[in-house]
């Protein structure tokens, strides 16, 4: 059993920066692959960025160069740094943790990012 909780969302000005955090209550957090997805109103949920247990990172093409994902296994936390925020970044952001052997996954309830232009 366990859970993940996102924080750090809110209102940000276009061009500004924001850092989202996701803290997990999970045993062996270090073994999980972590990812951030987002869902804007009226749109499908999409992967934004991920960081694997071996620290390999990947991003959606739309956020390359502006989003940074990092993890701190000592704090059971994954971060998403958003720079040069754009209007299209406005969405609910979801954190998740994934283990493949045995299969387990945890999803947060999401945190909203609102962009003012």
Protein backbone atom coordinates (compact mmCIF):
# COMPACT_ATOMS: atom_id res chain seq x y z
CA UNK A 1 0.00 0.00 0.00
CA UNK A 2 1.05 3.58 -0.42
CA UNK A 3 0.24 6.86 -2.04
CA UNK A 4 1.70 9.88 -3.79
CA UNK A 5 0.71 13.49 -3.26
CA UNK A 6 1.41 16.41 -5.56
CA UNK A 7 1.99 19.99 -4.43
CA UNK A 8 3.22 23.28 -5.76
CA UNK A 9 0.52 24.09 -8.26
CA UNK A 10 -1.15 27.45 -8.56
CA UNK A 11 -1.28 30.56 -10.66
CA UNK A 12 1.79 31.47 -12.67
CA UNK A 13 2.36 34.24 -15.13
CA UNK A 14 3.16 33.40 -18.72
CA UNK A 15 6.93 33.29 -19.05
CA UNK A 16 7.37 32.54 -15.38
CA UNK A 17 8.51 29.42 -13.56
CA UNK A 18 6.95 26.91 -11.24
CA UNK A 19 8.11 23.81 -9.45
CA UNK A 20 5.82 20.92 -8.73
CA UNK A 21 6.65 18.34 -6.11
CA UNK A 22 5.35 14.85 -5.57
CA UNK A 23 6.07 13.07 -2.32
CA UNK A 24 5.46 9.37 -2.01
CA UNK A 25 4.68 7.11 0.85
CA UNK A 26 5.98 3.98 -0.81
CA UNK A 27 8.38 1.31 0.27
CA UNK A 28 11.48 1.04 -1.91
CA UNK A 29 10.74 4.34 -3.64
CA UNK A 30 14.14 4.14 -5.35
CA UNK A 31 12.98 1.17 -7.42
CA UNK A 32 10.04 2.98 -9.00
CA UNK A 33 9.93 4.76 -12.32
CA UNK A 34 8.27 8.14 -11.87
CA UNK A 35 6.39 10.29 -14.29
CA UNK A 36 4.33 13.41 -14.65
CA UNK A 37 1.27 13.60 -16.88
CA UNK A 38 -1.10 16.48 -17.44
CA UNK A 39 -4.63 16.94 -18.60
CA UNK A 40 -6.06 20.20 -19.81
CA UNK A 41 -9.83 20.78 -19.86
CA UNK A 42 -11.39 19.04 -22.84
CA UNK A 43 -8.18 17.25 -23.74
CA UNK A 44 -6.78 13.79 -23.16
CA UNK A 45 -4.20 13.13 -20.50
CA UNK A 46 -0.67 13.25 -21.88
CA UNK A 47 2.74 12.26 -20.63
CA UNK A 48 4.92 15.24 -19.82
CA UNK A 49 8.14 13.80 -18.41
CA UNK A 50 9.49 10.74 -16.69
CA UNK A 51 12.52 9.62 -14.73
CA UNK A 52 13.35 5.99 -14.30
CA UNK A 53 14.85 4.24 -11.32
CA UNK A 54 18.25 4.47 -13.03
CA UNK A 55 17.73 8.24 -13.42
CA UNK A 56 17.25 8.12 -17.19
CA UNK A 57 14.90 10.92 -18.19
CA UNK A 58 12.46 11.45 -21.02
CA UNK A 59 10.14 14.26 -22.05
CA UNK A 60 7.29 15.02 -24.38
CA UNK A 61 8.48 16.95 -27.42
CA UNK A 62 6.28 19.88 -26.47
CA UNK A 63 8.17 20.55 -23.24
CA UNK A 64 11.78 19.81 -24.16
CA UNK A 65 14.03 22.61 -22.99
CA UNK A 66 11.43 24.05 -20.61
CA UNK A 67 10.60 21.21 -18.21
CA UNK A 68 13.06 19.49 -15.93
CA UNK A 69 12.34 16.36 -13.95
CA UNK A 70 14.41 15.26 -10.99
CA UNK A 71 14.10 12.84 -8.12
CA UNK A 72 15.43 12.75 -4.58
CA UNK A 73 15.26 9.24 -3.25
CA UNK A 74 16.30 10.41 0.23
CA UNK A 75 13.07 12.42 0.37
CA UNK A 76 10.85 10.06 -1.64
CA UNK A 77 10.12 13.01 -3.89
CA UNK A 78 10.05 13.77 -7.60
CA UNK A 79 10.06 17.30 -8.93
CA UNK A 80 8.91 18.94 -12.12
CA UNK A 81 10.45 22.31 -12.84
CA UNK A 82 8.52 24.32 -15.41
CA UNK A 83 10.28 27.29 -16.95
CA UNK A 84 9.10 29.81 -19.53
CA UNK A 85 5.52 28.82 -18.80
CA UNK A 86 3.13 29.01 -21.72
CA UNK A 87 -0.64 29.24 -21.84
CA UNK A 88 -0.80 25.67 -23.14
CA UNK A 89 0.83 24.45 -19.92
CA UNK A 90 -2.35 25.17 -18.00
CA UNK A 91 -3.64 21.79 -16.85
CA UNK A 92 -3.99 19.40 -13.97
CA UNK A 93 -0.64 17.72 -13.39
CA UNK A 94 -0.52 14.16 -12.12
CA UNK A 95 2.37 12.31 -10.57
CA UNK A 96 2.66 8.55 -10.69
CA UNK A 97 5.05 5.85 -9.57
CA UNK A 98 5.46 2.55 -11.39
CA UNK A 99 7.07 -0.72 -10.45
CA UNK A 100 7.14 -3.61 -12.89
CA UNK A 101 8.26 -6.56 -10.78
CA UNK A 102 5.92 -7.07 -9.02
CA UNK A 103 3.55 -4.75 -10.90
CA UNK A 104 2.46 -1.80 -8.79
CA UNK A 105 1.53 1.76 -9.55
CA UNK A 106 0.37 4.76 -7.59
CA UNK A 107 -1.26 7.88 -8.95
CA UNK A 108 -1.79 11.19 -7.25
CA UNK A 109 -4.98 13.19 -7.40
CA UNK A 110 -3.39 15.97 -9.38
CA UNK A 111 -2.53 19.60 -8.86
CA UNK A 112 -3.70 22.49 -10.99
CA UNK A 113 -1.46 24.89 -12.85
CA UNK A 114 -3.18 28.02 -14.09
CA UNK A 115 -1.43 30.43 -16.42
CA UNK A 116 -2.14 34.14 -16.59
CA UNK A 117 -1.31 35.94 -19.82
